[in-house]
Amino acid sequence: MAETAVPGFESLSWIAVYAPANTPRAVVKQLDDGIYAASKHPALLATFKKAGLDPVGGTPEALGSYQAAEIAKWTGVVKAIKYVLE
């Protein structure tokens, strides 16, 4: 999109793993560590590469910040085009 209608605009697909609210921090850390380790396995990396995916690990806080930024960005887009959900 940056090369066409909206200079500087970037649209990415992303996938995240969530745990239920109030999950103990130690459990979240254990899940995060396990998922991160699995994402580095050569066979899984090969599968990701074939699908055009680039795994990026991070903390729950970083995911929250990224998600908040995405919501803000897309809220602006929806308002700018005056989209109405029918």
N, C-alpha and C. Protein backbone atom coordinates (compact mmCIF):
# COMPACT_ATOMS: atom_id res chain seq x y z
N MET A 1 0.81 -1.19 0.00
CA MET A 1 0.00 0.00 0.00
C MET A 1 0.85 1.26 0.00
N ALA A 2 2.01 1.20 0.61
CA ALA A 2 2.85 2.39 0.71
C ALA A 2 3.24 2.92 -0.67
N GLU A 3 3.35 2.01 -1.64
CA GLU A 3 3.75 2.43 -2.97
C GLU A 3 2.58 2.95 -3.79
N THR A 4 1.37 2.81 -3.30
CA THR A 4 0.21 3.20 -4.10
C THR A 4 -0.55 4.35 -3.46
N ALA A 5 -1.64 4.05 -2.82
CA ALA A 5 -2.57 5.09 -2.38
C ALA A 5 -2.14 5.85 -1.14
N VAL A 6 -1.45 5.22 -0.23
CA VAL A 6 -1.16 5.86 1.05
C VAL A 6 0.33 5.77 1.36
N PRO A 7 1.10 6.79 1.03
CA PRO A 7 2.54 6.76 1.29
C PRO A 7 2.83 6.56 2.78
N GLY A 8 3.77 5.67 3.06
CA GLY A 8 4.18 5.44 4.44
C GLY A 8 3.30 4.50 5.22
N PHE A 9 2.21 4.05 4.64
CA PHE A 9 1.29 3.16 5.35
C PHE A 9 1.77 1.72 5.23
N GLU A 10 1.67 0.99 6.32
CA GLU A 10 2.10 -0.41 6.33
C GLU A 10 0.98 -1.27 6.91
N SER A 11 0.70 -2.36 6.25
CA SER A 11 -0.32 -3.29 6.72
C SER A 11 0.30 -4.68 6.77
N LEU A 12 0.35 -5.25 7.96
CA LEU A 12 0.93 -6.57 8.16
C LEU A 12 -0.10 -7.52 8.76
N SER A 13 0.01 -8.78 8.43
CA SER A 13 -0.77 -9.80 9.11
C SER A 13 0.04 -10.28 10.30
N TRP A 14 -0.62 -10.59 11.39
CA TRP A 14 0.09 -11.10 12.54
C TRP A 14 -0.78 -12.07 13.31
N ILE A 15 -0.12 -12.95 14.02
CA ILE A 15 -0.78 -13.97 14.81
C ILE A 15 -0.18 -13.91 16.21
N ALA A 16 -1.01 -14.05 17.21
CA ALA A 16 -0.53 -14.03 18.59
C ALA A 16 -1.21 -15.15 19.37
N VAL A 17 -0.59 -15.52 20.46
CA VAL A 17 -1.16 -16.51 21.37
C VAL A 17 -1.54 -15.79 22.65
N TYR A 18 -2.76 -16.02 23.10
CA TYR A 18 -3.27 -15.37 24.30
C TYR A 18 -3.61 -16.41 25.36
N ALA A 19 -3.53 -16.00 26.61
CA ALA A 19 -3.98 -16.82 27.74
C ALA A 19 -5.18 -16.11 28.37
N PRO A 20 -6.01 -16.84 29.09
CA PRO A 20 -7.15 -16.20 29.75
C PRO A 20 -6.71 -15.10 30.72
N ALA A 21 -7.59 -14.13 30.91
CA ALA A 21 -7.32 -13.07 31.89
C ALA A 21 -7.02 -13.70 33.25
N ASN A 22 -6.14 -13.06 33.98
CA ASN A 22 -5.76 -13.49 35.33
C ASN A 22 -4.98 -14.80 35.37
N THR A 23 -4.44 -15.23 34.23
CA THR A 23 -3.54 -16.39 34.25
C THR A 23 -2.30 -15.98 35.03
N PRO A 24 -1.85 -16.82 35.96
CA PRO A 24 -0.66 -16.45 36.75
C PRO A 24 0.53 -16.13 35.84
N ARG A 25 1.27 -15.10 36.22
CA ARG A 25 2.42 -14.63 35.44
C ARG A 25 3.41 -15.77 35.17
N ALA A 26 3.62 -16.65 36.14
CA ALA A 26 4.55 -17.76 35.96
C ALA A 26 4.07 -18.70 34.85
N VAL A 27 2.78 -18.91 34.74
CA VAL A 27 2.23 -19.77 33.69
C VAL A 27 2.38 -19.09 32.34
N VAL A 28 2.11 -17.79 32.27
CA VAL A 28 2.29 -17.04 31.03
C VAL A 28 3.74 -17.12 30.59
N LYS A 29 4.66 -16.96 31.51
CA LYS A 29 6.10 -17.04 31.20
C LYS A 29 6.46 -18.42 30.67
N GLN A 30 5.94 -19.46 31.31
CA GLN A 30 6.22 -20.83 30.87
C GLN A 30 5.69 -21.05 29.45
N LEU A 31 4.48 -20.60 29.18
CA LEU A 31 3.92 -20.72 27.83
C LEU A 31 4.74 -19.93 26.82
N ASP A 32 5.10 -18.70 27.17
CA ASP A 32 5.88 -17.85 26.29
C ASP A 32 7.23 -18.49 25.97
N ASP A 33 7.89 -19.00 26.99
CA ASP A 33 9.20 -19.64 26.79
C ASP A 33 9.07 -20.86 25.89
N GLY A 34 8.04 -21.67 26.10
CA GLY A 34 7.84 -22.87 25.29
C GLY A 34 7.53 -22.55 23.85
N ILE A 35 6.67 -21.58 23.64
CA ILE A 35 6.30 -21.19 22.28
C ILE A 35 7.51 -20.59 21.56
N TYR A 36 8.28 -19.77 22.27
CA TYR A 36 9.47 -19.18 21.66
C TYR A 36 10.47 -20.27 21.26
N ALA A 37 10.69 -21.24 22.16
CA ALA A 37 11.62 -22.33 21.85
C ALA A 37 11.13 -23.13 20.65
N ALA A 38 9.84 -23.43 20.61
CA ALA A 38 9.28 -24.19 19.50
C ALA A 38 9.42 -23.42 18.19
N SER A 39 9.27 -22.10 18.25
CA SER A 39 9.34 -21.29 17.03
C SER A 39 10.74 -21.26 16.43
N LYS A 40 11.73 -21.73 17.17
CA LYS A 40 13.11 -21.76 16.67
C LYS A 40 13.50 -23.15 16.15
N HIS A 41 12.59 -24.12 16.24
CA HIS A 41 12.89 -25.48 15.77
C HIS A 41 13.03 -25.46 14.25
N PRO A 42 14.09 -26.08 13.71
CA PRO A 42 14.34 -26.02 12.26
C PRO A 42 13.16 -26.48 11.40
N ALA A 43 12.48 -27.54 11.79
CA ALA A 43 11.36 -28.02 10.98
C ALA A 43 10.21 -27.01 10.98
N LEU A 44 9.96 -26.41 12.12
CA LEU A 44 8.89 -25.41 12.19
C LEU A 44 9.29 -24.14 11.43
N LEU A 45 10.57 -23.76 11.55
CA LEU A 45 11.05 -22.59 10.79
C LEU A 45 10.89 -22.81 9.29
N ALA A 46 11.16 -24.03 8.83
CA ALA A 46 11.00 -24.34 7.41
C ALA A 46 9.54 -24.22 6.99
N THR A 47 8.64 -24.68 7.84
CA THR A 47 7.21 -24.56 7.56
C THR A 47 6.79 -23.10 7.52
N PHE A 48 7.28 -22.32 8.48
CA PHE A 48 6.98 -20.89 8.50
C PHE A 48 7.48 -20.23 7.22
N LYS A 49 8.70 -20.56 6.82
CA LYS A 49 9.29 -19.93 5.64
C LYS A 49 8.46 -20.23 4.39
N LYS A 50 8.01 -21.49 4.25
CA LYS A 50 7.18 -21.86 3.10
C LYS A 50 5.88 -21.06 3.07
N ALA A 51 5.38 -20.73 4.25
CA ALA A 51 4.12 -19.98 4.35
C ALA A 51 4.34 -18.47 4.30
N GLY A 52 5.61 -18.05 4.22
CA GLY A 52 5.91 -16.62 4.18
C GLY A 52 5.80 -15.95 5.54
N LEU A 53 5.95 -16.73 6.60
CA LEU A 53 5.85 -16.21 7.96
C LEU A 53 7.22 -15.97 8.56
N ASP A 54 7.32 -14.93 9.36
CA ASP A 54 8.56 -14.58 10.04
C ASP A 54 8.26 -14.49 11.54
N PRO A 55 8.55 -15.55 12.30
CA PRO A 55 8.19 -15.52 13.72
C PRO A 55 8.97 -14.47 14.49
N VAL A 56 8.25 -13.74 15.33
CA VAL A 56 8.85 -12.71 16.17
C VAL A 56 8.37 -12.96 17.59
N GLY A 57 9.29 -13.20 18.48
CA GLY A 57 8.92 -13.40 19.88
C GLY A 57 8.89 -12.08 20.61
N GLY A 58 8.35 -12.11 21.79
CA GLY A 58 8.30 -10.90 22.59
C GLY A 58 7.58 -11.14 23.89
N THR A 59 7.51 -10.11 24.67
CA THR A 59 6.86 -10.19 25.97
C THR A 59 5.36 -9.91 25.82
N PRO A 60 4.58 -10.32 26.81
CA PRO A 60 3.16 -9.95 26.79
C PRO A 60 2.96 -8.44 26.74
N GLU A 61 3.83 -7.70 27.40
CA GLU A 61 3.73 -6.24 27.39
C GLU A 61 3.98 -5.68 25.99
N ALA A 62 4.96 -6.23 25.29
CA ALA A 62 5.25 -5.78 23.93
C ALA A 62 4.07 -6.09 23.01
N LEU A 63 3.47 -7.26 23.18
CA LEU A 63 2.29 -7.62 22.39
C LEU A 63 1.16 -6.64 22.67
N GLY A 64 0.95 -6.32 23.94
CA GLY A 64 -0.10 -5.36 24.30
C GLY A 64 0.12 -4.01 23.65
N SER A 65 1.36 -3.55 23.65
CA SER A 65 1.68 -2.26 23.02
C SER A 65 1.45 -2.31 21.51
N TYR A 66 1.88 -3.40 20.89
CA TYR A 66 1.70 -3.56 19.45
C TYR A 66 0.22 -3.60 19.10
N GLN A 67 -0.53 -4.37 19.88
CA GLN A 67 -1.96 -4.49 19.62
C GLN A 67 -2.66 -3.14 19.79
N ALA A 68 -2.30 -2.39 20.81
CA ALA A 68 -2.89 -1.06 21.02
C ALA A 68 -2.58 -0.14 19.84
N ALA A 69 -1.36 -0.21 19.33
CA ALA A 69 -0.98 0.61 18.17
C ALA A 69 -1.77 0.20 16.93
N GLU A 70 -1.96 -1.10 16.73
CA GLU A 70 -2.73 -1.58 15.59
C GLU A 70 -4.19 -1.12 15.68
N ILE A 71 -4.76 -1.21 16.87
CA ILE A 71 -6.15 -0.76 17.05
C ILE A 71 -6.26 0.72 16.74
N ALA A 72 -5.32 1.51 17.24
CA ALA A 72 -5.34 2.95 16.98
C ALA A 72 -5.21 3.23 15.48
N LYS A 73 -4.29 2.53 14.82
CA LYS A 73 -4.08 2.75 13.38
C LYS A 73 -5.34 2.42 12.59
N TRP A 74 -5.91 1.24 12.84
CA TRP A 74 -7.07 0.82 12.06
C TRP A 74 -8.33 1.58 12.43
N THR A 75 -8.42 2.07 13.66
CA THR A 75 -9.53 2.94 14.03
C THR A 75 -9.48 4.20 13.19
N GLY A 76 -8.28 4.75 13.02
CA GLY A 76 -8.10 5.93 12.18
C GLY A 76 -8.49 5.67 10.73
N VAL A 77 -8.12 4.51 10.21
CA VAL A 77 -8.46 4.17 8.83
C VAL A 77 -9.97 4.06 8.68
N VAL A 78 -10.61 3.35 9.60
CA VAL A 78 -12.06 3.18 9.54
C VAL A 78 -12.77 4.53 9.59
N LYS A 79 -12.31 5.41 10.47
CA LYS A 79 -12.92 6.74 10.56
C LYS A 79 -12.66 7.57 9.30
N ALA A 80 -11.45 7.47 8.76
CA ALA A 80 -11.09 8.26 7.58
C ALA A 80 -11.94 7.89 6.36
N ILE A 81 -12.25 6.61 6.23
CA ILE A 81 -13.06 6.20 5.07
C ILE A 81 -14.55 6.19 5.39
N LYS A 82 -14.87 6.56 6.62
CA LYS A 82 -16.27 6.62 7.07
C LYS A 82 -16.99 5.29 6.88
N TYR A 83 -16.28 4.22 7.23
CA TYR A 83 -16.85 2.87 7.09
C TYR A 83 -17.94 2.66 8.13
N VAL A 84 -19.05 2.10 7.69
CA VAL A 84 -20.16 1.78 8.59
C VAL A 84 -20.43 0.29 8.50
N LEU A 85 -20.37 -0.39 9.62
CA LEU A 85 -20.65 -1.82 9.67
C LEU A 85 -22.15 -2.04 9.53
N GLU A 86 -22.51 -2.87 8.58
CA GLU A 86 -23.94 -3.12 8.35
C GLU A 86 -24.38 -4.40 9.01
